[in-house]
Amino acid sequence: MLTFVAGLFGLVIGSFLNVVIHRVPLGESVAWPGSKCPKCGASISPFDNVPVLSYLVLRGKCRNCGVRIPVRYPLVEAATGALLALAAYRFGLSFELAVAVVLVVALVSLAMTDLEHRLLPNAIVGPAAACGLVLSVVARPEWWWVYPASALAAAGGLFAIALFYPGGMGMGDVKMAGMLGCFLGPYAFLAVFLGALAGATVSGVLMAAGRIGRRTHIPFGTFMSLGGLAALFIGPWMWSGYLGLF
């Protein structure tokens, strides 16, 4: 039942995240005005704002003007629902679940914002980091010093890279790495490594296919988000498996 409720809650949160992804990079309020079509400006009724289902019923078009609705909207809703259901199944009713919920919401927002706008907004990273640090310390008070230390170390590592390679690493990535430390502790380094590995792999494939050049900027925050999700759900198992090789 907890998993089912978390999944439904995730669908609703995913609908709100679409507003965040669209408005925050533009400096607009996420609370007012209500949802509207970006093309014709028509307000979206509650019946047309049901996560995933409304997109299917409307066949991906605005009811008023017929403009195409980006497929990102149902994908974000479905992904958030699935991830929160997985978090409920993985962590149960606990403080760890609260940590996971906030981290999933932050990572989905940052992944899509960086993918669409090449931006990791402070308005998302800052509050998420503060909330994650508090929840993580409450969940594991014996590790009260580990989380801030991990945040500083992860951010410091990427900051050093940004100094030597400013074209390939931005300050948004540095701040996001610190945010991951607030949630994941030392597993933040695993998240950054997995993100870098995924980014390098995808970039290599796209360059081989002639889709991008060597100087093309890739949304590292998107790949770091994927690494963060992997570290959240299977990080301890991956680390144990790695140590088992020795």
Protein backbone atom coordinates (compact mmCIF):
# COMPACT_ATOMS: atom_id res chain seq x y z
CA MET A 1 0.00 0.00 0.00
CA LEU A 2 2.84 2.40 0.83
CA THR A 3 4.44 1.74 -2.55
CA PHE A 4 1.13 2.35 -4.34
CA VAL A 5 0.42 5.58 -2.48
CA ALA A 6 3.98 6.80 -3.06
CA GLY A 7 3.58 6.12 -6.78
CA LEU A 8 0.37 8.16 -6.99
CA PHE A 9 1.97 10.92 -4.94
CA GLY A 10 4.91 10.85 -7.33
CA LEU A 11 2.64 11.37 -10.35
CA VAL A 12 1.21 14.50 -8.76
CA ILE A 13 4.65 15.76 -7.75
CA GLY A 14 5.88 15.06 -11.28
CA SER A 15 3.16 17.32 -12.66
CA PHE A 16 4.40 20.11 -10.38
CA LEU A 17 8.01 19.44 -11.38
CA ASN A 18 7.09 20.17 -14.99
CA VAL A 19 6.11 23.67 -13.83
CA VAL A 20 9.41 23.98 -11.96
CA ILE A 21 11.44 22.83 -14.97
CA HIS A 22 9.69 25.32 -17.25
CA ARG A 23 9.46 28.38 -14.98
CA VAL A 24 12.46 28.41 -12.64
CA PRO A 25 15.07 28.93 -15.41
CA LEU A 26 12.93 31.83 -16.64
CA GLY A 27 12.78 33.41 -13.19
CA GLU A 28 9.00 32.99 -12.98
CA SER A 29 6.90 32.01 -9.97
CA VAL A 30 5.98 28.34 -9.69
CA ALA A 31 2.89 29.17 -7.61
CA TRP A 32 1.15 31.80 -9.74
CA PRO A 33 -0.41 31.99 -12.25
CA GLY A 34 -1.93 28.55 -12.76
CA SER A 35 -0.93 26.18 -15.54
CA LYS A 36 -1.57 27.50 -19.03
CA CYS A 37 -0.68 26.71 -22.61
CA PRO A 38 2.59 28.49 -23.52
CA LYS A 39 1.31 29.00 -27.09
CA CYS A 40 -2.23 30.38 -26.75
CA GLY A 41 -2.21 31.29 -23.04
CA ALA A 42 -5.40 29.36 -22.28
CA SER A 43 -5.71 28.14 -18.70
CA ILE A 44 -5.51 24.38 -18.30
CA SER A 45 -8.54 22.96 -16.52
CA PRO A 46 -8.13 20.40 -13.72
CA PHE A 47 -9.60 17.73 -16.03
CA ASP A 48 -6.81 18.37 -18.54
CA ASN A 49 -4.12 18.40 -15.85
CA VAL A 50 -4.35 14.79 -14.64
CA PRO A 51 -0.81 13.32 -14.73
CA VAL A 52 -0.09 11.14 -17.79
CA LEU A 53 -3.78 10.36 -18.38
CA SER A 54 -4.67 13.83 -19.69
CA TYR A 55 -1.76 13.71 -22.14
CA LEU A 56 -3.07 10.43 -23.54
CA VAL A 57 -6.68 11.62 -23.71
CA LEU A 58 -5.69 14.85 -25.46
CA ARG A 59 -3.31 12.93 -27.74
CA GLY A 60 -0.48 15.22 -26.75
CA LYS A 61 -2.16 18.44 -27.93
CA CYS A 62 -3.60 21.55 -26.30
CA ARG A 63 -7.40 21.32 -26.21
CA ASN A 64 -7.73 25.00 -27.15
CA CYS A 65 -5.19 25.60 -29.96
CA GLY A 66 -3.97 22.12 -30.86
CA VAL A 67 -0.26 22.85 -30.34
CA ARG A 68 1.83 19.82 -29.46
CA ILE A 69 2.54 19.23 -25.76
CA PRO A 70 6.18 18.18 -25.25
CA VAL A 71 6.51 14.48 -24.43
CA ARG A 72 8.71 15.56 -21.53
CA TYR A 73 5.56 16.26 -19.48
CA PRO A 74 4.19 12.70 -19.20
CA LEU A 75 7.73 11.28 -19.01
CA VAL A 76 8.60 13.43 -15.98
CA GLU A 77 5.31 12.52 -14.31
CA ALA A 78 5.71 8.80 -14.96
CA ALA A 79 9.39 8.77 -13.96
CA THR A 80 8.73 10.61 -10.70
CA GLY A 81 5.87 8.26 -9.85
CA ALA A 82 7.96 5.18 -10.58
CA LEU A 83 10.97 6.47 -8.64
CA LEU A 84 8.97 7.39 -5.54
CA ALA A 85 7.23 4.01 -5.63
CA LEU A 86 10.65 2.36 -5.84
CA ALA A 87 11.88 4.49 -2.94
CA ALA A 88 8.92 3.43 -0.80
CA TYR A 89 9.58 -0.23 -1.64
CA ARG A 90 13.31 0.12 -0.97
CA PHE A 91 13.27 2.12 2.27
CA GLY A 92 9.83 1.57 3.79
CA LEU A 93 8.26 4.06 6.17
CA SER A 94 11.40 5.69 7.58
CA PHE A 95 13.52 8.83 7.61
CA GLU A 96 15.53 7.24 4.81
CA LEU A 97 12.38 7.39 2.69
CA ALA A 98 12.04 11.13 3.38
CA VAL A 99 15.66 11.61 2.29
CA ALA A 100 15.03 9.59 -0.86
CA VAL A 101 11.84 11.47 -1.77
CA VAL A 102 13.51 14.89 -1.55
CA LEU A 103 16.56 13.68 -3.47
CA VAL A 104 14.49 12.11 -6.24
CA VAL A 105 12.44 15.29 -6.64
CA ALA A 106 15.60 17.41 -6.78
CA LEU A 107 17.39 15.13 -9.24
CA VAL A 108 14.47 14.85 -11.65
CA SER A 109 14.14 18.65 -11.66
CA LEU A 110 17.86 19.22 -12.17
CA ALA A 111 18.24 16.51 -14.80
CA MET A 112 15.56 17.96 -17.05
CA THR A 113 16.46 21.61 -16.38
CA ASP A 114 20.06 20.96 -17.36
CA LEU A 115 18.99 18.93 -20.39
CA GLU A 116 16.65 21.65 -21.69
CA HIS A 117 18.30 24.86 -20.49
CA ARG A 118 21.91 23.86 -19.69
CA LEU A 119 21.29 25.29 -16.24
CA LEU A 120 21.37 23.99 -12.65
CA PRO A 121 19.44 26.72 -10.77
CA ASN A 122 20.51 27.78 -7.28
CA ALA A 123 16.79 27.98 -6.47
CA ILE A 124 16.68 24.17 -6.67
CA VAL A 125 20.18 23.16 -5.57
CA GLY A 126 20.37 25.37 -2.46
CA PRO A 127 17.07 24.45 -0.73
CA ALA A 128 17.51 20.79 -1.68
CA ALA A 129 21.00 20.69 -0.15
CA ALA A 130 19.83 22.30 3.11
CA CYS A 131 16.84 19.97 3.37
CA GLY A 132 18.93 16.92 2.50
CA LEU A 133 21.56 17.75 5.13
CA VAL A 134 18.96 18.10 7.89
CA LEU A 135 17.08 14.92 6.93
CA SER A 136 20.28 12.89 6.52
CA VAL A 137 21.59 13.89 9.95
CA VAL A 138 18.22 13.10 11.55
CA ALA A 139 18.14 9.71 9.80
CA ARG A 140 21.73 8.86 10.82
CA PRO A 141 22.81 11.14 13.68
CA GLU A 142 26.01 9.15 14.24
CA TRP A 143 27.10 10.36 10.78
CA TRP A 144 26.40 14.03 11.55
CA TRP A 145 29.87 15.05 10.42
CA VAL A 146 30.09 12.74 7.42
CA TYR A 147 27.45 14.50 5.32
CA PRO A 148 28.85 18.05 5.46
CA ALA A 149 32.37 16.66 5.01
CA SER A 150 31.25 14.68 1.96
CA ALA A 151 29.51 17.75 0.54
CA LEU A 152 32.65 19.86 0.88
CA ALA A 153 34.90 17.13 -0.53
CA ALA A 154 32.66 16.39 -3.53
CA ALA A 155 32.20 20.07 -4.36
CA GLY A 156 35.91 20.72 -3.82
CA GLY A 157 36.89 17.92 -6.19
CA LEU A 158 34.76 19.25 -9.02
CA PHE A 159 35.84 22.81 -8.26
CA ALA A 160 39.46 21.75 -8.79
CA ILE A 161 38.49 20.22 -12.12
CA ALA A 162 36.61 23.40 -13.09
CA LEU A 163 39.73 25.48 -12.39
CA PHE A 164 41.88 23.40 -14.73
CA TYR A 165 39.18 22.69 -17.30
CA PRO A 166 36.72 25.62 -17.16
CA GLY A 167 35.10 24.76 -20.47
CA GLY A 168 34.03 21.31 -19.35
CA MET A 169 32.78 21.95 -15.84
CA GLY A 170 30.56 24.73 -14.51
CA MET A 171 29.91 26.04 -11.03
CA GLY A 172 26.43 24.57 -11.21
CA ASP A 173 27.99 21.12 -11.42
CA VAL A 174 30.21 21.96 -8.43
CA LYS A 175 27.23 23.01 -6.32
CA MET A 176 25.24 19.96 -7.38
CA ALA A 177 28.08 17.66 -6.30
CA GLY A 178 27.97 19.32 -2.88
CA MET A 179 24.22 18.78 -2.77
CA LEU A 180 24.71 15.08 -3.47
CA GLY A 181 27.12 14.89 -0.52
CA CYS A 182 24.39 16.28 1.75
CA PHE A 183 22.10 13.42 0.78
CA LEU A 184 24.41 10.52 0.04
CA GLY A 185 27.46 11.11 2.21
CA PRO A 186 30.49 9.30 0.76
CA TYR A 187 28.32 7.67 -1.91
CA ALA A 188 28.23 11.10 -3.57
CA PHE A 189 31.63 10.23 -5.06
CA LEU A 190 30.11 7.11 -6.58
CA ALA A 191 27.31 9.25 -8.03
CA VAL A 192 29.79 11.66 -9.62
CA PHE A 193 31.87 8.79 -11.00
CA LEU A 194 28.83 7.04 -12.49
CA GLY A 195 27.64 10.33 -13.97
CA ALA A 196 31.02 10.97 -15.55
CA LEU A 197 31.12 7.42 -16.92
CA ALA A 198 27.62 7.72 -18.39
CA GLY A 199 28.39 11.14 -19.86
CA ALA A 200 31.63 9.95 -21.44
CA THR A 201 29.94 6.89 -22.90
CA VAL A 202 27.02 8.81 -24.41
CA SER A 203 29.33 11.54 -25.72
CA GLY A 204 31.60 8.97 -27.32
CA VAL A 205 28.69 7.30 -29.08
CA LEU A 206 27.29 10.62 -30.32
CA MET A 207 30.71 11.78 -31.57
CA ALA A 208 31.24 8.48 -33.37
CA ALA A 209 27.86 8.97 -35.03
CA GLY A 210 28.76 12.53 -36.02
CA ARG A 211 25.93 14.06 -33.97
CA ILE A 212 28.18 16.25 -31.80
CA GLY A 213 31.71 17.64 -31.93
CA ARG A 214 34.56 17.41 -29.45
CA ARG A 215 33.78 20.87 -28.10
CA THR A 216 30.05 20.31 -27.70
CA HIS A 217 28.92 20.98 -24.14
CA ILE A 218 27.04 18.07 -22.59
CA PRO A 219 24.57 18.46 -19.70
CA PHE A 220 26.75 16.87 -17.00
CA GLY A 221 24.09 17.63 -14.38
CA THR A 222 21.72 15.28 -16.20
CA PHE A 223 24.23 12.44 -16.09
CA MET A 224 25.16 13.25 -12.49
CA SER A 225 21.45 12.97 -11.65
CA LEU A 226 21.41 9.47 -13.11
CA GLY A 227 24.49 8.63 -11.06
CA GLY A 228 22.81 10.04 -7.97
CA LEU A 229 19.75 7.84 -8.47
CA ALA A 230 21.93 4.77 -8.95
CA ALA A 231 23.91 5.60 -5.80
CA LEU A 232 20.69 6.14 -3.84
CA PHE A 233 19.11 2.81 -4.69
CA ILE A 234 22.03 0.43 -5.22
CA GLY A 235 25.10 2.36 -4.05
CA PRO A 236 25.88 0.16 -1.01
CA TRP A 237 25.49 -3.02 -3.08
CA MET A 238 27.74 -1.67 -5.83
CA TRP A 239 30.40 -0.67 -3.32
CA SER A 240 30.22 -4.03 -1.54
CA GLY A 241 30.50 -5.81 -4.87
CA TYR A 242 33.53 -3.71 -5.81
CA LEU A 243 35.26 -4.45 -2.49
CA GLY A 244 34.43 -8.13 -2.98
CA LEU A 245 36.69 -8.18 -6.03
CA PHE A 246 39.63 -7.80 -3.67
